[in-house]
Amino acid sequence: MAKGSKPKSDQVADEQPPSVEEDLYQILGVQSDATLETIKTAYKKNALKHHPDKVGEDARDEAHAKFQKIALAYAVLSDKRRRNMYDRTGSTDEVLGEDGDFDWMDFYREQLSAMLDTRAVSDFQKKYQGSDEEKKDLLAAYEANEGDLDGIYESVMLSNVLDDDERFRAIIDQAIVDGEVKEYAQYTEESEDKRQKRVKRAQKEAREAEKLSKKLENDKKKKAAKASKASAGNEDDLLALINKRQQQRGQGFLAHIEEKYGQPNGKKRGPPDEPSEEAFAAVGARKSKDGKSKSKKAKA
């Protein structure tokens, strides 16, 4: 059983992977010899169905725990080395304990985010809807729910009453004619009142989904604006720091020049190419002496 399940998906899983006693292949609904492609498809189907942000508030806690198990099963079975070890030991704790490179938190966050990626879901939806796999899932759900369309829509992933009702009915009707499935009274004799209630629920959910989508988009824009403002502030701080350091370096350079060319008694020398005061005095004395010698010679 998963440990520490939380009511909202923005509260991520525990830092440690959940302890899972169930068979990982059964969690994804695949055989033990399933190909990697089959495992990936099964994971997407289960993850979309049980993602915490795709169910009602009352079912979110259960979906969160279920999603952790699905993510863990995929983490093990999608990796050849981890899958081989699991097949030998049957223990997820031992498998992940031996894999020092595996970071559960990073992996779990990535899976939560990926299943909310509109483009990724849309691409998968295009491949799935209208495929033989969807038809198989639909007829299996029809049999399992004995023709109850409410249960069918809850079972078939990415299904929508507003978009798929006519298409689903055509598939089921043809399957009944061909003898692929049994004819259930819950399906053939469904009242118009029950059908309209299902449509109204779907319309309400669609409005709520649109409202949530707009809220998420607005939140995203606010975060982006806040991040941009923070970035501008950081740039100003950086420029101020650079200017301060440049001033300090300039002062340090001047201090170095002053120390290098200053006198021990505190007097400062001029620039390095300017003669010192002693040099001026010596030159003056020499000129005076030379002047006196010239005067004596002239008198003689």
C-alpha atoms as a PDB file:
ATOM      1  CA  MET A   1       0.000   0.000   0.000  1.00  0.00           C
ATOM      2  CA  ALA A   2       1.337   3.443  -0.845  1.00  0.00           C
ATOM      3  CA  LYS A   3       2.600   5.453   2.099  1.00  0.00           C
ATOM      4  CA  GLY A   4       1.804   9.075   2.847  1.00  0.00           C
ATOM      5  CA  SER A   5      -0.806   9.647   0.137  1.00  0.00           C
ATOM      6  CA  LYS A   6      -1.865  13.290   0.029  1.00  0.00           C
ATOM      7  CA  PRO A   7      -5.136  14.899  -1.049  1.00  0.00           C
ATOM      8  CA  LYS A   8      -3.681  17.161  -3.731  1.00  0.00           C
ATOM      9  CA  SER A   9      -1.242  16.403  -6.523  1.00  0.00           C
ATOM     10  CA  ASP A  10       0.672  19.621  -5.975  1.00  0.00           C
ATOM     11  CA  GLN A  11       1.776  18.046  -2.717  1.00  0.00           C
ATOM     12  CA  VAL A  12       4.263  15.602  -4.129  1.00  0.00           C
ATOM     13  CA  ALA A  13       4.866  12.082  -2.965  1.00  0.00           C
ATOM     14  CA  ASP A  14       7.095  11.151  -0.060  1.00  0.00           C
ATOM     15  CA  GLU A  15      10.783  11.399  -0.780  1.00  0.00           C
ATOM     16  CA  GLN A  16      10.965   7.608  -0.687  1.00  0.00           C
ATOM     17  CA  PRO A  17       9.058   5.448  -3.212  1.00  0.00           C
ATOM     18  CA  PRO A  18       5.881   3.824  -1.867  1.00  0.00           C
ATOM     19  CA  SER A  19       6.110   0.255  -0.649  1.00  0.00           C
ATOM     20  CA  VAL A  20       4.125  -1.837  -3.124  1.00  0.00           C
ATOM     21  CA  GLU A  21       3.086  -5.415  -2.398  1.00  0.00           C
ATOM     22  CA  GLU A  22       1.025  -5.955  -5.570  1.00  0.00           C
ATOM     23  CA  ASP A  23       2.585  -7.405  -8.684  1.00  0.00           C
ATOM     24  CA  LEU A  24       3.796  -4.534 -10.860  1.00  0.00           C
ATOM     25  CA  TYR A  25       2.590  -6.205 -14.050  1.00  0.00           C
ATOM     26  CA  GLN A  26      -0.912  -6.489 -12.590  1.00  0.00           C
ATOM     27  CA  ILE A  27      -0.880  -2.823 -11.575  1.00  0.00           C
ATOM     28  CA  LEU A  28      -0.385  -1.849 -15.222  1.00  0.00           C
ATOM     29  CA  GLY A  29      -2.616  -4.648 -16.467  1.00  0.00           C
ATOM     30  CA  VAL A  30      -0.017  -6.346 -18.684  1.00  0.00           C
ATOM     31  CA  GLN A  31       1.544  -9.787 -18.933  1.00  0.00           C
ATOM     32  CA  SER A  32       4.990 -10.509 -17.508  1.00  0.00           C
ATOM     33  CA  ASP A  33       6.365 -10.910 -21.040  1.00  0.00           C
ATOM     34  CA  ALA A  34       4.893  -7.606 -22.266  1.00  0.00           C
ATOM     35  CA  THR A  35       7.012  -5.555 -24.653  1.00  0.00           C
ATOM     36  CA  LEU A  36       8.310  -2.140 -23.669  1.00  0.00           C
ATOM     37  CA  GLU A  37       5.828  -0.499 -26.061  1.00  0.00           C
ATOM     38  CA  THR A  38       2.940  -2.372 -24.412  1.00  0.00           C
ATOM     39  CA  ILE A  39       4.140  -1.269 -20.982  1.00  0.00           C
ATOM     40  CA  LYS A  40       4.353   2.369 -22.104  1.00  0.00           C
ATOM     41  CA  THR A  41       0.830   2.287 -23.540  1.00  0.00           C
ATOM     42  CA  ALA A  42      -0.585   0.589 -20.445  1.00  0.00           C
ATOM     43  CA  TYR A  43       1.118   3.151 -18.245  1.00  0.00           C
ATOM     44  CA  LYS A  44      -0.354   6.089 -20.168  1.00  0.00           C
ATOM     45  CA  LYS A  45      -3.832   4.608 -19.999  1.00  0.00           C
ATOM     46  CA  ASN A  46      -3.636   4.007 -16.254  1.00  0.00           C
ATOM     47  CA  ALA A  47      -1.941   7.307 -15.484  1.00  0.00           C
ATOM     48  CA  LEU A  48      -4.527   9.318 -17.420  1.00  0.00           C
ATOM     49  CA  LYS A  49      -7.347   7.496 -15.700  1.00  0.00           C
ATOM     50  CA  HIS A  50      -5.992   7.882 -12.164  1.00  0.00           C
ATOM     51  CA  HIS A  51      -4.193  11.232 -12.305  1.00  0.00           C
ATOM     52  CA  PRO A  52      -5.115  13.147  -9.106  1.00  0.00           C
ATOM     53  CA  ASP A  53      -6.054  16.273 -11.076  1.00  0.00           C
ATOM     54  CA  LYS A  54      -8.436  14.382 -13.358  1.00  0.00           C
ATOM     55  CA  VAL A  55     -10.844  13.074 -10.714  1.00  0.00           C
ATOM     56  CA  GLY A  56     -13.315  14.637  -8.327  1.00  0.00           C
ATOM     57  CA  GLU A  57     -12.256  15.981  -4.928  1.00  0.00           C
ATOM     58  CA  ASP A  58     -13.783  13.014  -3.106  1.00  0.00           C
ATOM     59  CA  ALA A  59     -11.724  10.548  -5.154  1.00  0.00           C
ATOM     60  CA  ARG A  60      -8.444  12.511  -5.280  1.00  0.00           C
ATOM     61  CA  ASP A  61      -6.827  10.889  -2.246  1.00  0.00           C
ATOM     62  CA  GLU A  62      -7.425   7.408  -3.624  1.00  0.00           C
ATOM     63  CA  ALA A  63      -6.271   8.468  -7.102  1.00  0.00           C
ATOM     64  CA  HIS A  64      -3.084   9.951  -5.641  1.00  0.00           C
ATOM     65  CA  ALA A  65      -2.197   6.670  -3.925  1.00  0.00           C
ATOM     66  CA  LYS A  66      -3.050   4.723  -7.070  1.00  0.00           C
ATOM     67  CA  PHE A  67      -1.001   7.045  -9.260  1.00  0.00           C
ATOM     68  CA  GLN A  68       2.054   6.530  -7.054  1.00  0.00           C
ATOM     69  CA  LYS A  69       1.809   2.775  -7.559  1.00  0.00           C
ATOM     70  CA  ILE A  70       1.344   3.173 -11.311  1.00  0.00           C
ATOM     71  CA  ALA A  71       4.338   5.506 -11.537  1.00  0.00           C
ATOM     72  CA  LEU A  72       6.479   3.127  -9.492  1.00  0.00           C
ATOM     73  CA  ALA A  73       5.475   0.161 -11.652  1.00  0.00           C
ATOM     74  CA  TYR A  74       6.410   2.116 -14.769  1.00  0.00           C
ATOM     75  CA  ALA A  75       9.711   3.269 -13.240  1.00  0.00           C
ATOM     76  CA  VAL A  76      10.732  -0.349 -12.695  1.00  0.00           C
ATOM     77  CA  LEU A  77       9.273  -2.086 -15.754  1.00  0.00           C
ATOM     78  CA  SER A  78      10.304   0.532 -18.313  1.00  0.00           C
ATOM     79  CA  ASP A  79      13.972   0.166 -17.392  1.00  0.00           C
ATOM     80  CA  LYS A  80      15.592  -3.059 -18.631  1.00  0.00           C
ATOM     81  CA  ARG A  81      18.056  -3.435 -15.765  1.00  0.00           C
ATOM     82  CA  ARG A  82      15.505  -2.663 -13.046  1.00  0.00           C
ATOM     83  CA  ARG A  83      12.935  -4.935 -14.691  1.00  0.00           C
ATOM     84  CA  ASN A  84      15.365  -7.882 -14.825  1.00  0.00           C
ATOM     85  CA  MET A  85      16.176  -7.437 -11.159  1.00  0.00           C
ATOM     86  CA  TYR A  86      12.486  -7.214 -10.266  1.00  0.00           C
ATOM     87  CA  ASP A  87      11.765 -10.409 -12.223  1.00  0.00           C
ATOM     88  CA  ARG A  88      14.449 -12.142 -10.145  1.00  0.00           C
ATOM     89  CA  THR A  89      13.611 -10.735  -6.723  1.00  0.00           C
ATOM     90  CA  GLY A  90       9.992  -9.581  -6.900  1.00  0.00           C
ATOM     91  CA  SER A  91      10.912  -6.713  -4.565  1.00  0.00           C
ATOM     92  CA  THR A  92      10.632  -3.067  -5.582  1.00  0.00           C
ATOM     93  CA  ASP A  93      12.463  -1.967  -2.433  1.00  0.00           C
ATOM     94  CA  GLU A  94      15.457  -4.097  -3.343  1.00  0.00           C
ATOM     95  CA  VAL A  95      15.410  -2.997  -6.982  1.00  0.00           C
ATOM     96  CA  LEU A  96      15.386   0.728  -6.249  1.00  0.00           C
ATOM     97  CA  GLY A  97      17.708   0.318  -3.307  1.00  0.00           C
ATOM     98  CA  GLU A  98      20.349  -1.069  -5.656  1.00  0.00           C
ATOM     99  CA  ASP A  99      19.869   1.719  -8.207  1.00  0.00           C
ATOM    100  CA  GLY A 100      21.748   4.666  -6.780  1.00  0.00           C
ATOM    101  CA  ASP A 101      21.147   6.739  -9.912  1.00  0.00           C
ATOM    102  CA  PHE A 102      17.360   6.653  -9.561  1.00  0.00           C
ATOM    103  CA  ASP A 103      15.741   9.726  -7.989  1.00  0.00           C
ATOM    104  CA  TRP A 104      12.151   8.944  -7.052  1.00  0.00           C
ATOM    105  CA  MET A 105      11.132  12.549  -6.419  1.00  0.00           C
ATOM    106  CA  ASP A 106      12.406  13.778  -9.787  1.00  0.00           C
ATOM    107  CA  PHE A 107      10.769  10.851 -11.580  1.00  0.00           C
ATOM    108  CA  TYR A 108       7.438  11.270  -9.797  1.00  0.00           C
ATOM    109  CA  ARG A 109       7.259  15.015 -10.443  1.00  0.00           C
ATOM    110  CA  GLU A 110       8.041  14.402 -14.103  1.00  0.00           C
ATOM    111  CA  GLN A 111       5.224  11.863 -14.420  1.00  0.00           C
ATOM    112  CA  LEU A 112       2.701  14.145 -12.707  1.00  0.00           C
ATOM    113  CA  SER A 113       3.643  16.990 -15.013  1.00  0.00           C
ATOM    114  CA  ALA A 114       3.729  14.885 -18.175  1.00  0.00           C
ATOM    115  CA  MET A 115       0.190  13.629 -17.655  1.00  0.00           C
ATOM    116  CA  LEU A 116      -1.013  17.241 -17.481  1.00  0.00           C
ATOM    117  CA  ASP A 117       0.836  18.283 -20.614  1.00  0.00           C
ATOM    118  CA  THR A 118      -2.005  19.191 -22.979  1.00  0.00           C
ATOM    119  CA  ARG A 119      -0.004  18.540 -26.125  1.00  0.00           C
ATOM    120  CA  ALA A 120       1.238  15.138 -24.946  1.00  0.00           C
ATOM    121  CA  VAL A 121      -2.266  14.048 -23.946  1.00  0.00           C
ATOM    122  CA  SER A 122      -3.687  15.350 -27.223  1.00  0.00           C
ATOM    123  CA  ASP A 123      -1.130  13.401 -29.269  1.00  0.00           C
ATOM    124  CA  PHE A 124      -1.917  10.211 -27.379  1.00  0.00           C
ATOM    125  CA  GLN A 125      -5.649  10.852 -27.694  1.00  0.00           C
ATOM    126  CA  LYS A 126      -5.392  11.134 -31.482  1.00  0.00           C
ATOM    127  CA  LYS A 127      -3.678   7.749 -31.697  1.00  0.00           C
ATOM    128  CA  TYR A 128      -6.030   6.073 -29.245  1.00  0.00           C
ATOM    129  CA  GLN A 129      -9.461   7.302 -30.256  1.00  0.00           C
ATOM    130  CA  GLY A 130     -10.900   5.333 -33.129  1.00  0.00           C
ATOM    131  CA  SER A 131      -8.248   2.613 -32.772  1.00  0.00           C
ATOM    132  CA  ASP A 132      -8.803  -1.107 -32.321  1.00  0.00           C
ATOM    133  CA  GLU A 133      -7.461  -0.721 -28.803  1.00  0.00           C
ATOM    134  CA  GLU A 134     -10.149   1.798 -27.901  1.00  0.00           C
ATOM    135  CA  LYS A 135     -12.835  -0.469 -29.354  1.00  0.00           C
ATOM    136  CA  LYS A 136     -11.494  -3.360 -27.291  1.00  0.00           C
ATOM    137  CA  ASP A 137     -11.528  -1.229 -24.131  1.00  0.00           C
ATOM    138  CA  LEU A 138     -15.041   0.024 -24.877  1.00  0.00           C
ATOM    139  CA  LEU A 139     -16.524  -3.431 -25.390  1.00  0.00           C
ATOM    140  CA  ALA A 140     -14.703  -4.749 -22.308  1.00  0.00           C
ATOM    141  CA  ALA A 141     -16.167  -1.878 -20.270  1.00  0.00           C
ATOM    142  CA  TYR A 142     -19.610  -2.608 -21.778  1.00  0.00           C
ATOM    143  CA  GLU A 143     -19.407  -6.229 -20.644  1.00  0.00           C
ATOM    144  CA  ALA A 144     -17.955  -5.386 -17.212  1.00  0.00           C
ATOM    145  CA  ASN A 145     -20.693  -2.815 -16.526  1.00  0.00           C
ATOM    146  CA  GLU A 146     -23.424  -4.934 -18.143  1.00  0.00           C
ATOM    147  CA  GLY A 147     -24.415  -2.154 -20.527  1.00  0.00           C
ATOM    148  CA  ASP A 148     -24.517   0.675 -17.971  1.00  0.00           C
ATOM    149  CA  LEU A 149     -23.191   3.678 -19.888  1.00  0.00           C
ATOM    150  CA  ASP A 150     -22.399   5.638 -16.725  1.00  0.00           C
ATOM    151  CA  GLY A 151     -19.915   2.944 -15.766  1.00  0.00           C
ATOM    152  CA  ILE A 152     -18.648   2.673 -19.325  1.00  0.00           C
ATOM    153  CA  TYR A 153     -17.706   6.368 -19.494  1.00  0.00           C
ATOM    154  CA  GLU A 154     -15.958   6.092 -16.148  1.00  0.00           C
ATOM    155  CA  SER A 155     -13.945   3.118 -17.396  1.00  0.00           C
ATOM    156  CA  VAL A 156     -12.869   4.148 -20.897  1.00  0.00           C
ATOM    157  CA  MET A 157     -10.070   6.682 -20.711  1.00  0.00           C
ATOM    158  CA  LEU A 158     -10.313   9.999 -22.537  1.00  0.00           C
ATOM    159  CA  SER A 159     -14.004   9.388 -23.171  1.00  0.00           C
ATOM    160  CA  ASN A 160     -16.479  12.244 -23.144  1.00  0.00           C
ATOM    161  CA  VAL A 161     -20.246  11.922 -23.209  1.00  0.00           C
ATOM    162  CA  LEU A 162     -20.630  15.135 -25.201  1.00  0.00           C
ATOM    163  CA  ASP A 163     -18.228  14.025 -27.933  1.00  0.00           C
ATOM    164  CA  ASP A 164     -18.350  10.224 -27.941  1.00  0.00           C
ATOM    165  CA  ASP A 165     -21.933   9.163 -27.207  1.00  0.00           C
ATOM    166  CA  GLU A 166     -23.039   8.686 -30.797  1.00  0.00           C
ATOM    167  CA  ARG A 167     -19.751   7.034 -31.792  1.00  0.00           C
ATOM    168  CA  PHE A 168     -19.740   4.672 -28.803  1.00  0.00           C
ATOM    169  CA  ARG A 169     -23.343   3.637 -29.382  1.00  0.00           C
ATOM    170  CA  ALA A 170     -22.597   2.836 -33.018  1.00  0.00           C
ATOM    171  CA  ILE A 171     -19.675   0.592 -32.003  1.00  0.00           C
ATOM    172  CA  ILE A 172     -21.713  -1.180 -29.321  1.00  0.00           C
ATOM    173  CA  ASP A 173     -24.759  -1.611 -31.554  1.00  0.00           C
ATOM    174  CA  GLN A 174     -22.644  -3.188 -34.286  1.00  0.00           C
ATOM    175  CA  ALA A 175     -20.920  -5.460 -31.766  1.00  0.00           C
ATOM    176  CA  ILE A 176     -24.319  -6.657 -30.552  1.00  0.00           C
ATOM    177  CA  VAL A 177     -25.431  -7.365 -34.118  1.00  0.00           C
ATOM    178  CA  ASP A 178     -22.176  -9.252 -34.824  1.00  0.00           C
ATOM    179  CA  GLY A 179     -22.558 -11.248 -31.626  1.00  0.00           C
ATOM    180  CA  GLU A 180     -19.343  -9.898 -30.103  1.00  0.00           C
ATOM    181  CA  VAL A 181     -21.129  -8.804 -26.925  1.00  0.00           C
ATOM    182  CA  LYS A 182     -24.324  -9.634 -25.100  1.00  0.00           C
ATOM    183  CA  GLU A 183     -27.395  -7.427 -25.371  1.00  0.00           C
ATOM    184  CA  TYR A 184     -28.003  -5.874 -21.934  1.00  0.00           C
ATOM    185  CA  ALA A 185     -31.291  -4.260 -20.955  1.00  0.00           C
ATOM    186  CA  GLN A 186     -29.454  -1.453 -19.123  1.00  0.00           C
ATOM    187  CA  TYR A 187     -28.141  -0.396 -22.517  1.00  0.00           C
ATOM    188  CA  THR A 188     -30.998  -1.100 -24.907  1.00  0.00           C
ATOM    189  CA  GLU A 189     -33.726   0.087 -22.533  1.00  0.00           C
ATOM    190  CA  GLU A 190     -31.977   3.084 -20.993  1.00  0.00           C
ATOM    191  CA  SER A 191     -34.444   5.882 -20.243  1.00  0.00           C
ATOM    192  CA  GLU A 192     -34.178   9.283 -21.849  1.00  0.00           C
ATOM    193  CA  ASP A 193     -34.180  10.849 -18.376  1.00  0.00           C
ATOM    194  CA  LYS A 194     -31.037   8.951 -17.356  1.00  0.00           C
ATOM    195  CA  ARG A 195     -29.356   9.849 -20.608  1.00  0.00           C
ATOM    196  CA  GLN A 196     -30.151  13.558 -20.179  1.00  0.00           C
ATOM    197  CA  LYS A 197     -28.841  13.524 -16.603  1.00  0.00           C
ATOM    198  CA  ARG A 198     -25.556  12.090 -17.868  1.00  0.00           C
ATOM    199  CA  VAL A 199     -25.343  14.809 -20.511  1.00  0.00           C
ATOM    200  CA  LYS A 200     -26.038  17.553 -17.962  1.00  0.00           C
ATOM    201  CA  ARG A 201     -23.314  16.187 -15.650  1.00  0.00           C
ATOM    202  CA  ALA A 202     -20.897  16.196 -18.554  1.00  0.00           C
ATOM    203  CA  GLN A 203     -21.805  19.775 -19.435  1.00  0.00           C
ATOM    204  CA  LYS A 204     -21.259  20.864 -15.829  1.00  0.00           C
ATOM    205  CA  GLU A 205     -17.882  19.113 -15.723  1.00  0.00           C
ATOM    206  CA  ALA A 206     -16.929  20.788 -19.000  1.00  0.00           C
ATOM    207  CA  ARG A 207     -17.730  24.224 -17.564  1.00  0.00           C
ATOM    208  CA  GLU A 208     -15.746  23.477 -14.423  1.00  0.00           C
ATOM    209  CA  ALA A 209     -12.831  22.225 -16.484  1.00  0.00           C
ATOM    210  CA  GLU A 210     -12.867  25.390 -18.593  1.00  0.00           C
ATOM    211  CA  LYS A 211     -12.983  27.550 -15.473  1.00  0.00           C
ATOM    212  CA  LEU A 212     -10.076  25.636 -13.961  1.00  0.00           C
ATOM    213  CA  SER A 213      -8.139  25.893 -17.200  1.00  0.00           C
ATOM    214  CA  LYS A 214      -8.539  29.686 -17.248  1.00  0.00           C
ATOM    215  CA  LYS A 215      -7.489  29.904 -13.610  1.00  0.00           C
ATOM    216  CA  LEU A 216      -4.382  27.836 -14.251  1.00  0.00           C
ATOM    217  CA  GLU A 217      -3.553  29.994 -17.272  1.00  0.00           C
ATOM    218  CA  ASN A 218      -3.960  33.180 -15.233  1.00  0.00           C
ATOM    219  CA  ASP A 219      -1.840  31.758 -12.433  1.00  0.00           C
ATOM    220  CA  LYS A 220       0.796  30.848 -14.985  1.00  0.00           C
ATOM    221  CA  LYS A 221       0.814  34.398 -16.378  1.00  0.00           C
ATOM    222  CA  LYS A 222       1.050  35.897 -12.882  1.00  0.00           C
ATOM    223  CA  LYS A 223       3.986  33.637 -12.030  1.00  0.00           C
ATOM    224  CA  ALA A 224       5.700  34.555 -15.287  1.00  0.00           C
ATOM    225  CA  ALA A 225       5.209  38.284 -14.600  1.00  0.00           C
ATOM    226  CA  LYS A 226       6.474  37.879 -11.056  1.00  0.00           C
ATOM    227  CA  ALA A 227       9.485  35.934 -12.258  1.00  0.00           C
ATOM    228  CA  SER A 228      10.205  38.612 -14.873  1.00  0.00           C
ATOM    229  CA  LYS A 229      10.009  41.352 -12.243  1.00  0.00           C
ATOM    230  CA  ALA A 230      12.265  39.393  -9.920  1.00  0.00           C
ATOM    231  CA  SER A 231      14.700  38.864 -12.774  1.00  0.00           C
ATOM    232  CA  ALA A 232      14.789  42.608 -13.506  1.00  0.00           C
ATOM    233  CA  GLY A 233      15.398  43.270  -9.819  1.00  0.00           C
ATOM    234  CA  ASN A 234      18.195  40.737  -9.793  1.00  0.00           C
ATOM    235  CA  GLU A 235      19.762  42.426 -12.811  1.00  0.00           C
ATOM    236  CA  ASP A 236      19.637  45.809 -11.021  1.00  0.00           C
ATOM    237  CA  ASP A 237      21.219  44.263  -7.948  1.00  0.00           C
ATOM    238  CA  LEU A 238      23.885  42.675 -10.101  1.00  0.00           C
ATOM    239  CA  LEU A 239      24.690  45.975 -11.829  1.00  0.00           C
ATOM    240  CA  ALA A 240      24.929  47.717  -8.462  1.00  0.00           C
ATOM    241  CA  LEU A 241      27.264  45.001  -7.214  1.00  0.00           C
ATOM    242  CA  ILE A 242      29.439  45.261 -10.322  1.00  0.00           C
ATOM    243  CA  ASN A 243      29.651  49.053  -9.978  1.00  0.00           C
ATOM    244  CA  LYS A 244      30.560  48.737  -6.317  1.00  0.00           C
ATOM    245  CA  ARG A 245      33.276  46.222  -7.072  1.00  0.00           C
ATOM    246  CA  GLN A 246      34.635  48.407  -9.853  1.00  0.00           C
ATOM    247  CA  GLN A 247      34.812  51.364  -7.465  1.00  0.00           C
ATOM    248  CA  GLN A 248      36.550  49.226  -4.870  1.00  0.00           C
ATOM    249  CA  ARG A 249      38.997  47.988  -7.463  1.00  0.00           C
ATOM    250  CA  GLY A 250      39.651  51.622  -8.575  1.00  0.00           C
ATOM    251  CA  GLN A 251      40.270  52.697  -5.006  1.00  0.00           C
ATOM    252  CA  GLY A 252      42.530  49.736  -4.487  1.00  0.00           C
ATOM    253  CA  PHE A 253      44.484  50.618  -7.603  1.00  0.00           C
ATOM    254  CA  LEU A 254      44.960  54.228  -6.443  1.00  0.00           C
ATOM    255  CA  ALA A 255      46.032  53.027  -3.027  1.00  0.00           C
ATOM    256  CA  HIS A 256      48.569  50.742  -4.664  1.00  0.00           C
ATOM    257  CA  ILE A 257      49.994  53.621  -6.728  1.00  0.00           C
ATOM    258  CA  GLU A 258      50.150  55.825  -3.651  1.00  0.00           C
ATOM    259  CA  GLU A 259      51.947  53.135  -1.650  1.00  0.00           C
ATOM    260  CA  LYS A 260      54.380  52.392  -4.437  1.00  0.00           C
ATOM    261  CA  TYR A 261      55.430  55.967  -5.086  1.00  0.00           C
ATOM    262  CA  GLY A 262      54.914  57.505  -1.627  1.00  0.00           C
ATOM    263  CA  GLN A 263      57.813  58.625   0.687  1.00  0.00           C
ATOM    264  CA  PRO A 264      58.547  56.866   4.022  1.00  0.00           C
ATOM    265  CA  ASN A 265      58.010  60.191   5.875  1.00  0.00           C
ATOM    266  CA  GLY A 266      54.540  60.497   4.429  1.00  0.00           C
ATOM    267  CA  LYS A 267      55.393  62.815   1.546  1.00  0.00           C
ATOM    268  CA  LYS A 268      54.133  61.693  -1.783  1.00  0.00           C
ATOM    269  CA  ARG A 269      56.141  61.574  -4.926  1.00  0.00           C
ATOM    270  CA  GLY A 270      54.866  62.846  -8.201  1.00  0.00           C
ATOM    271  CA  PRO A 271      54.393  60.617 -11.181  1.00  0.00           C
ATOM    272  CA  PRO A 272      57.246  58.151 -11.783  1.00  0.00           C
ATOM    273  CA  ASP A 273      58.708  60.225 -14.685  1.00  0.00           C
ATOM    274  CA  GLU A 274      58.856  63.488 -12.629  1.00  0.00           C
ATOM    275  CA  PRO A 275      62.213  64.243 -10.809  1.00  0.00           C
ATOM    276  CA  SER A 276      62.166  64.259  -7.007  1.00  0.00           C
ATOM    277  CA  GLU A 277      62.705  67.364  -4.858  1.00  0.00           C
ATOM    278  CA  GLU A 278      66.249  66.223  -4.057  1.00  0.00           C
ATOM    279  CA  ALA A 279      66.974  65.962  -7.762  1.00  0.00           C
ATOM    280  CA  PHE A 280      65.750  69.528  -8.309  1.00  0.00           C
ATOM    281  CA  ALA A 281      68.011  70.724  -5.451  1.00  0.00           C
ATOM    282  CA  ALA A 282      71.037  68.899  -6.833  1.00  0.00           C
ATOM    283  CA  VAL A 283      70.505  70.320 -10.286  1.00  0.00           C
ATOM    284  CA  GLY A 284      70.134  73.814  -8.829  1.00  0.00           C
ATOM    285  CA  ALA A 285      73.375  73.510  -6.823  1.00  0.00           C
ATOM    286  CA  ARG A 286      75.198  72.196  -9.857  1.00  0.00           C
ATOM    287  CA  LYS A 287      73.983  75.088 -11.996  1.00  0.00           C
ATOM    288  CA  SER A 288      75.041  77.619  -9.337  1.00  0.00           C
ATOM    289  CA  LYS A 289      78.543  76.122  -9.072  1.00  0.00           C
ATOM    290  CA  ASP A 290      78.940  76.061 -12.834  1.00  0.00           C
ATOM    291  CA  GLY A 291      77.842  79.675 -12.987  1.00  0.00           C
ATOM    292  CA  LYS A 292      80.506  80.803 -10.462  1.00  0.00           C
ATOM    293  CA  SER A 293      83.264  78.889 -12.318  1.00  0.00           C
ATOM    294  CA  LYS A 294      82.356  80.581 -15.576  1.00  0.00           C
ATOM    295  CA  SER A 295      82.451  83.992 -13.898  1.00  0.00           C
ATOM    296  CA  LYS A 296      85.995  83.483 -12.510  1.00  0.00           C
ATOM    297  CA  LYS A 297      87.268  82.343 -15.886  1.00  0.00           C
ATOM    298  CA  ALA A 298      85.801  85.422 -17.533  1.00  0.00           C
ATOM    299  CA  LYS A 299      87.561  87.752 -15.071  1.00  0.00           C
ATOM    300  CA  ALA A 300      90.876  86.018 -15.607  1.00  0.00           C
END
